[in-house]
């Protein structure tokens, strides 16, 4: 089958490869991929900022398609079911984190498109217990970004501790941020977007943000909560200074450049909190998918043909994508 793999030189490129069609293990299903989102994590992997777990791994963890094969132990899915394949691929189910609802912190967790080949391919295999049934309102290409950009953004929103009707600052406005902003606005939040890209600022205002400014500008009001989506450590003290007393900054990315030295009085005093987001639980995914359908969240999609996967990744790298890039077969 056709697929795209990460170049082993760490240059941020994808190369076309041929792979054997996956054979499902007893607990797996094989999904024929119709659409797959291009996530910034895929870029971190291609740049080796996130070291590949094996050479020529096939990235892609926002895959949508229909089940075409099922393992002999699978009872929860059947051939023909439409599902989504996301970042979290497996957990041990036995450690203290798994037993207490924090499976995203499982030390034995594995990930689609990192530990095992992902959705930049014609077929992808996934444990049935980690596949998501998708809400009907979303077609394949608009459902794809929800599977990581949406889920991680939703977890970041929860980690930010935004109070009802509160003021939320969003730093960076790509695939994840533009979905998270819609959820927050629909739930009554006042959203202020700070990002370097002018087209992203325009999109933020179109989606209902109260203000949109450059990433290093002063927020127009004291923020109750903030989320840092841009992988730029320099923005951490900037965002912390924008918080009101008792506010929380959640860092949403899997990779971040170095955080500069901070001044305790300016950035943290006043019971401000700095926290991070590490992957997600399956419960996060199920909640986000239900909410997105109920709140009429509409991911903005930039479709690319499957054959243009490397170009799509380069456009993400260069900041040329407004909304979410999605490979379509």
Protein backbone atom coordinates (compact mmCIF):
# COMPACT_ATOMS: atom_id res chain seq x y z
CA UNK A 1 0.00 0.00 0.00
CA UNK A 2 1.05 3.64 -0.45
CA UNK A 3 2.22 5.66 2.53
CA UNK A 4 4.34 8.65 3.53
CA UNK A 5 7.18 8.21 6.02
CA UNK A 6 9.41 10.57 7.97
CA UNK A 7 12.77 11.13 6.30
CA UNK A 8 15.56 9.76 8.54
CA UNK A 9 17.72 12.89 8.19
CA UNK A 10 15.55 15.03 10.45
CA UNK A 11 15.11 17.63 7.74
CA UNK A 12 11.38 17.93 8.19
CA UNK A 13 10.42 16.09 5.01
CA UNK A 14 8.17 13.16 4.16
CA UNK A 15 9.10 10.51 1.62
CA UNK A 16 6.77 8.14 -0.27
CA UNK A 17 7.10 4.47 0.71
CA UNK A 18 5.43 1.14 0.04
CA UNK A 19 4.21 -0.83 3.05
CA UNK A 20 2.68 -4.24 3.48
CA UNK A 21 -1.02 -3.99 4.26
CA UNK A 22 -1.53 -4.29 8.03
CA UNK A 23 -2.84 -7.57 9.39
CA UNK A 24 -4.97 -7.03 12.49
CA UNK A 25 -3.91 -8.56 15.78
CA UNK A 26 -6.80 -10.19 17.71
CA UNK A 27 -7.72 -6.89 19.41
CA UNK A 28 -7.17 -4.62 16.38
CA UNK A 29 -9.18 -3.23 13.51
CA UNK A 30 -7.81 -2.12 10.15
CA UNK A 31 -9.21 1.16 8.83
CA UNK A 32 -9.23 2.32 5.22
CA UNK A 33 -8.21 5.98 5.54
CA UNK A 34 -10.29 8.56 3.70
CA UNK A 35 -8.91 11.67 5.46
CA UNK A 36 -6.07 12.41 7.86
CA UNK A 37 -5.23 15.69 9.54
CA UNK A 38 -1.69 17.08 9.41
CA UNK A 39 -0.77 17.99 12.97
CA UNK A 40 2.12 20.10 14.25
CA UNK A 41 3.23 16.98 16.14
CA UNK A 42 3.84 15.35 12.74
CA UNK A 43 6.14 18.28 11.96
CA UNK A 44 8.00 17.92 15.29
CA UNK A 45 8.48 14.25 14.41
CA UNK A 46 9.77 15.03 10.91
CA UNK A 47 12.21 17.57 12.37
CA UNK A 48 13.31 15.02 15.02
CA UNK A 49 12.34 17.50 17.74
CA UNK A 50 10.26 14.51 18.76
CA UNK A 51 12.73 11.66 18.13
CA UNK A 52 11.18 8.94 15.91
CA UNK A 53 10.74 5.61 17.66
CA UNK A 54 11.84 3.72 14.53
CA UNK A 55 13.20 4.66 11.09
CA UNK A 56 10.78 5.67 8.35
CA UNK A 57 7.78 5.75 10.67
CA UNK A 58 4.51 6.72 8.97
CA UNK A 59 3.04 9.71 10.84
CA UNK A 60 -0.59 10.81 11.05
CA UNK A 61 -2.86 10.54 14.08
CA UNK A 62 -6.05 12.28 12.95
CA UNK A 63 -7.23 9.53 10.62
CA UNK A 64 -10.84 8.96 9.59
CA UNK A 65 -12.17 6.02 7.63
CA UNK A 66 -14.16 2.82 7.66
CA UNK A 67 -13.24 -0.48 9.26
CA UNK A 68 -12.31 -3.06 6.62
CA UNK A 69 -10.91 -5.86 8.82
CA UNK A 70 -11.41 -6.88 12.43
CA UNK A 71 -9.32 -9.05 14.73
CA UNK A 72 -10.86 -12.22 16.09
CA UNK A 73 -11.25 -10.79 19.62
CA UNK A 74 -13.00 -7.56 18.55
CA UNK A 75 -16.66 -7.26 19.54
CA UNK A 76 -17.20 -3.48 19.80
CA UNK A 77 -16.64 -2.63 16.12
CA UNK A 78 -17.55 -4.26 12.83
CA UNK A 79 -16.61 -4.01 9.18
CA UNK A 80 -18.17 -0.86 7.74
CA UNK A 81 -18.14 1.22 10.92
CA UNK A 82 -16.83 4.78 10.52
CA UNK A 83 -14.14 5.53 13.11
CA UNK A 84 -11.39 7.94 14.00
CA UNK A 85 -7.83 6.95 14.86
CA UNK A 86 -6.15 9.38 17.25
CA UNK A 87 -2.80 9.96 18.99
CA UNK A 88 -3.27 7.71 22.04
CA UNK A 89 -2.88 4.14 20.79
CA UNK A 90 -2.59 2.03 23.95
CA UNK A 91 -2.02 2.11 27.69
CA UNK A 92 -1.14 -0.61 30.19
CA UNK A 93 -4.43 -0.39 32.11
CA UNK A 94 -2.69 -1.44 35.33
CA UNK A 95 -0.47 1.39 36.56
CA UNK A 96 -1.67 3.87 39.18
CA UNK A 97 -2.37 6.50 36.51
CA UNK A 98 -4.53 4.15 34.44
CA UNK A 99 -6.37 3.01 37.56
CA UNK A 100 -7.20 6.58 38.58
CA UNK A 101 -8.44 7.99 35.27
CA UNK A 102 -5.15 9.55 34.18
CA UNK A 103 -4.22 7.11 31.42
CA UNK A 104 -2.58 9.95 29.49
CA UNK A 105 0.27 9.73 32.05
CA UNK A 106 0.72 5.95 31.68
CA UNK A 107 4.47 5.20 31.39
CA UNK A 108 3.65 2.31 29.05
CA UNK A 109 1.46 4.33 26.68
CA UNK A 110 2.04 4.15 22.92
CA UNK A 111 1.08 6.56 20.16
CA UNK A 112 -0.20 6.40 16.60
CA UNK A 113 2.29 7.67 14.04
CA UNK A 114 5.16 7.50 16.52
CA UNK A 115 5.34 4.02 18.06
CA UNK A 116 3.36 2.46 15.21
CA UNK A 117 2.62 3.56 11.65
CA UNK A 118 -0.15 6.11 11.41
CA UNK A 119 -2.69 7.55 9.03
CA UNK A 120 -0.55 9.01 6.23
CA UNK A 121 -1.31 5.74 4.45
CA UNK A 122 -4.10 3.94 2.65
CA UNK A 123 -4.69 1.66 5.65
CA UNK A 124 -3.96 1.97 9.36
CA UNK A 125 -4.30 -0.55 12.19
CA UNK A 126 -5.41 0.41 15.71
CA UNK A 127 -6.60 -1.40 18.84
CA UNK A 128 -10.40 -1.31 18.66
CA UNK A 129 -10.65 0.03 22.21
CA UNK A 130 -8.76 3.18 21.15
CA UNK A 131 -10.79 3.99 18.04
CA UNK A 132 -13.56 6.60 18.23
CA UNK A 133 -17.01 6.41 16.72
CA UNK A 134 -17.58 9.75 15.02
CA UNK A 135 -20.64 12.04 15.26
CA UNK A 136 -22.78 12.13 12.14
CA UNK A 137 -22.73 15.93 11.65
CA UNK A 138 -19.07 15.84 10.62
CA UNK A 139 -17.93 14.61 7.23
CA UNK A 140 -14.58 12.80 7.09
CA UNK A 141 -12.38 15.80 6.37
CA UNK A 142 -13.92 18.03 9.06
CA UNK A 143 -13.91 15.22 11.62
CA UNK A 144 -10.18 14.59 11.17
CA UNK A 145 -8.83 17.71 13.00
CA UNK A 146 -11.06 16.97 15.98
CA UNK A 147 -9.06 13.81 16.70
CA UNK A 148 -5.96 15.62 17.97
CA UNK A 149 -6.24 19.36 17.47
CA UNK A 150 -9.70 19.24 18.99
CA UNK A 151 -9.00 16.74 21.76
CA UNK A 152 -5.75 18.31 22.94
CA UNK A 153 -7.24 21.79 22.77
CA UNK A 154 -10.19 20.63 24.85
CA UNK A 155 -7.91 19.10 27.48
CA UNK A 156 -5.87 22.33 27.52
CA UNK A 157 -9.06 24.32 28.02
CA UNK A 158 -9.98 22.17 30.98
CA UNK A 159 -6.45 22.38 32.41
CA UNK A 160 -6.56 26.18 32.14
CA UNK A 161 -9.29 26.32 34.78
CA UNK A 162 -11.34 28.88 32.87
CA UNK A 163 -14.26 29.99 35.07
CA UNK A 164 -17.77 30.26 33.57
CA UNK A 165 -17.97 33.41 31.47
CA UNK A 166 -14.27 34.06 32.05
CA UNK A 167 -11.63 35.77 29.92
CA UNK A 168 -9.43 33.35 27.99
CA UNK A 169 -6.20 34.27 26.21
CA UNK A 170 -5.07 32.04 23.33
CA UNK A 171 -1.45 32.34 22.17
CA UNK A 172 -0.98 30.97 18.66
CA UNK A 173 -3.98 30.29 16.43
CA UNK A 174 -3.53 27.19 14.33
CA UNK A 175 -5.49 23.96 13.99
CA UNK A 176 -5.97 23.29 17.71
CA UNK A 177 -6.53 26.87 18.83
CA UNK A 178 -9.24 27.66 16.29
CA UNK A 179 -11.29 24.66 17.48
CA UNK A 180 -10.71 25.42 21.16
CA UNK A 181 -11.77 29.03 20.67
CA UNK A 182 -15.08 27.91 19.18
CA UNK A 183 -15.77 25.61 22.14
CA UNK A 184 -14.90 28.32 24.67
CA UNK A 185 -16.98 31.01 22.91
CA UNK A 186 -19.97 28.68 22.60
CA UNK A 187 -19.75 28.08 26.34
CA UNK A 188 -19.85 31.79 27.10
CA UNK A 189 -16.18 32.74 27.41
CA UNK A 190 -14.64 36.02 26.26
CA UNK A 191 -11.71 35.01 24.05
CA UNK A 192 -8.66 37.12 23.24
CA UNK A 193 -6.28 35.75 20.59
CA UNK A 194 -2.62 36.71 20.39
CA UNK A 195 -0.77 35.40 17.36
CA UNK A 196 1.82 36.67 14.87
CA UNK A 197 -0.12 35.72 11.73
CA UNK A 198 -2.49 38.34 10.32
CA UNK A 199 -4.70 35.79 8.52
CA UNK A 200 -5.06 33.83 11.76
CA UNK A 201 -6.08 37.01 13.56
CA UNK A 202 -8.76 37.64 10.94
CA UNK A 203 -10.05 34.07 11.34
CA UNK A 204 -10.16 34.50 15.13
CA UNK A 205 -12.38 37.56 14.81
CA UNK A 206 -14.61 35.81 12.25
CA UNK A 207 -15.10 32.95 14.74
CA UNK A 208 -16.19 35.34 17.48
CA UNK A 209 -13.05 36.30 19.40
CA UNK A 210 -13.39 39.60 21.26
CA UNK A 211 -9.93 40.75 20.18
CA UNK A 212 -6.96 39.59 18.13
CA UNK A 213 -3.45 41.03 18.37
CA UNK A 214 0.19 40.11 17.88
CA UNK A 215 1.57 37.37 20.10
CA UNK A 216 3.82 39.73 22.06
CA UNK A 217 1.24 42.49 22.45
CA UNK A 218 -0.33 43.21 25.83
CA UNK A 219 -3.65 41.47 26.30
CA UNK A 220 -6.36 44.17 26.35
CA UNK A 221 -7.77 42.95 29.68
CA UNK A 222 -6.45 40.84 32.57
CA UNK A 223 -7.00 37.19 31.67
CA UNK A 224 -8.56 34.56 33.93
CA UNK A 225 -6.87 31.77 31.98
CA UNK A 226 -4.59 31.35 29.00
CA UNK A 227 -3.48 28.55 26.68
CA UNK A 228 -0.16 28.55 24.86
CA UNK A 229 -0.47 26.67 21.58
CA UNK A 230 2.55 28.21 19.84
CA UNK A 231 5.67 26.07 20.54
CA UNK A 232 7.56 29.20 21.61
CA UNK A 233 9.01 29.23 25.12
CA UNK A 234 9.56 33.01 25.00
CA UNK A 235 5.79 33.43 25.22
CA UNK A 236 5.51 31.72 28.62
CA UNK A 237 6.47 34.78 30.70
CA UNK A 238 4.47 37.01 28.34
CA UNK A 239 1.33 34.95 28.87
CA UNK A 240 1.88 34.68 32.64
CA UNK A 241 2.14 38.46 32.93
CA UNK A 242 -1.19 38.76 31.12
CA UNK A 243 -2.97 36.68 33.79
CA UNK A 244 -5.01 38.18 36.55
CA UNK A 245 -4.34 37.03 40.11
CA UNK A 246 -5.16 33.35 40.51
CA UNK A 247 -5.05 32.74 36.75
CA UNK A 248 -3.68 29.65 35.04
CA UNK A 249 -1.55 29.23 31.91
CA UNK A 250 -1.77 25.81 30.24
CA UNK A 251 0.98 24.89 27.75
CA UNK A 252 -0.64 22.64 25.17
CA UNK A 253 2.20 21.50 22.90
CA UNK A 254 4.26 18.31 22.99
CA UNK A 255 7.36 20.38 22.11
CA UNK A 256 8.39 23.83 23.33
CA UNK A 257 11.52 25.88 22.79
CA UNK A 258 13.41 26.84 25.94
CA UNK A 259 11.59 29.00 28.46
CA UNK A 260 13.64 32.08 29.40
CA UNK A 261 14.53 32.99 32.94
CA UNK A 262 11.50 34.45 34.70
CA UNK A 263 10.98 36.95 37.49
CA UNK A 264 8.93 35.45 40.31
CA UNK A 265 7.23 38.73 41.28
CA UNK A 266 6.22 39.64 37.71
CA UNK A 267 5.25 36.27 36.30
CA UNK A 268 4.14 33.94 39.11
CA UNK A 269 3.32 35.86 42.28
CA UNK A 270 -0.37 36.31 42.98
CA UNK A 271 -1.06 32.56 42.88
CA UNK A 272 -0.69 32.32 39.14
CA UNK A 273 -0.31 28.73 37.95
CA UNK A 274 1.77 27.30 35.10
CA UNK A 275 0.71 23.83 33.96
CA UNK A 276 1.16 21.55 30.95
CA UNK A 277 -0.86 19.11 28.90
CA UNK A 278 0.40 15.57 28.27
CA UNK A 279 -1.53 13.68 25.59
CA UNK A 280 -5.14 12.89 26.47
CA UNK A 281 -7.44 10.27 27.89
CA UNK A 282 -10.06 8.50 25.81
CA UNK A 283 -12.67 10.23 27.99
CA UNK A 284 -11.30 13.59 26.78
CA UNK A 285 -11.82 12.48 23.20
CA UNK A 286 -15.35 11.22 23.76
CA UNK A 287 -16.33 14.44 25.58
CA UNK A 288 -14.84 16.68 22.88
CA UNK A 289 -16.60 14.81 20.07
CA UNK A 290 -19.96 15.08 21.87
CA UNK A 291 -19.42 18.77 22.63
CA UNK A 292 -18.26 19.62 19.10
CA UNK A 293 -21.46 18.15 17.67
CA UNK A 294 -23.71 19.76 20.29
CA UNK A 295 -22.09 23.21 19.98
CA UNK A 296 -21.89 23.17 16.15
CA UNK A 297 -18.11 23.52 16.17
CA UNK A 298 -16.92 23.86 12.57
CA UNK A 299 -13.22 23.14 11.94
CA UNK A 300 -11.81 25.24 9.11
CA UNK A 301 -10.14 22.77 6.77
CA UNK A 302 -7.47 23.22 4.11
CA UNK A 303 -7.69 19.99 2.04
CA UNK A 304 -4.66 18.51 0.28
CA UNK A 305 -4.60 15.43 -1.97
CA UNK A 306 -2.91 12.41 -0.43
CA UNK A 307 -0.12 12.74 -3.01
CA UNK A 308 0.75 16.21 -1.62
CA UNK A 309 1.44 15.13 1.96
CA UNK A 310 4.95 16.59 2.01
CA UNK A 311 3.71 19.91 0.63
CA UNK A 312 1.02 20.01 3.30
CA UNK A 313 3.62 19.46 6.03
CA UNK A 314 5.84 22.21 4.58
CA UNK A 315 2.89 24.58 4.52
CA UNK A 316 2.21 23.82 8.19
CA UNK A 317 5.90 24.48 8.92
CA UNK A 318 5.83 27.81 7.08
CA UNK A 319 2.57 28.95 8.67
CA UNK A 320 0.75 29.01 5.34
CA UNK A 321 -2.26 27.00 6.57
CA UNK A 322 -5.30 28.79 7.97
CA UNK A 323 -7.21 26.36 10.16
CA UNK A 324 -6.26 22.69 9.77
CA UNK A 325 -4.49 20.90 6.90
CA UNK A 326 -6.12 17.59 5.98
CA UNK A 327 -4.97 14.93 3.52
CA UNK A 328 -7.90 13.59 1.50
CA UNK A 329 -8.00 10.37 -0.51
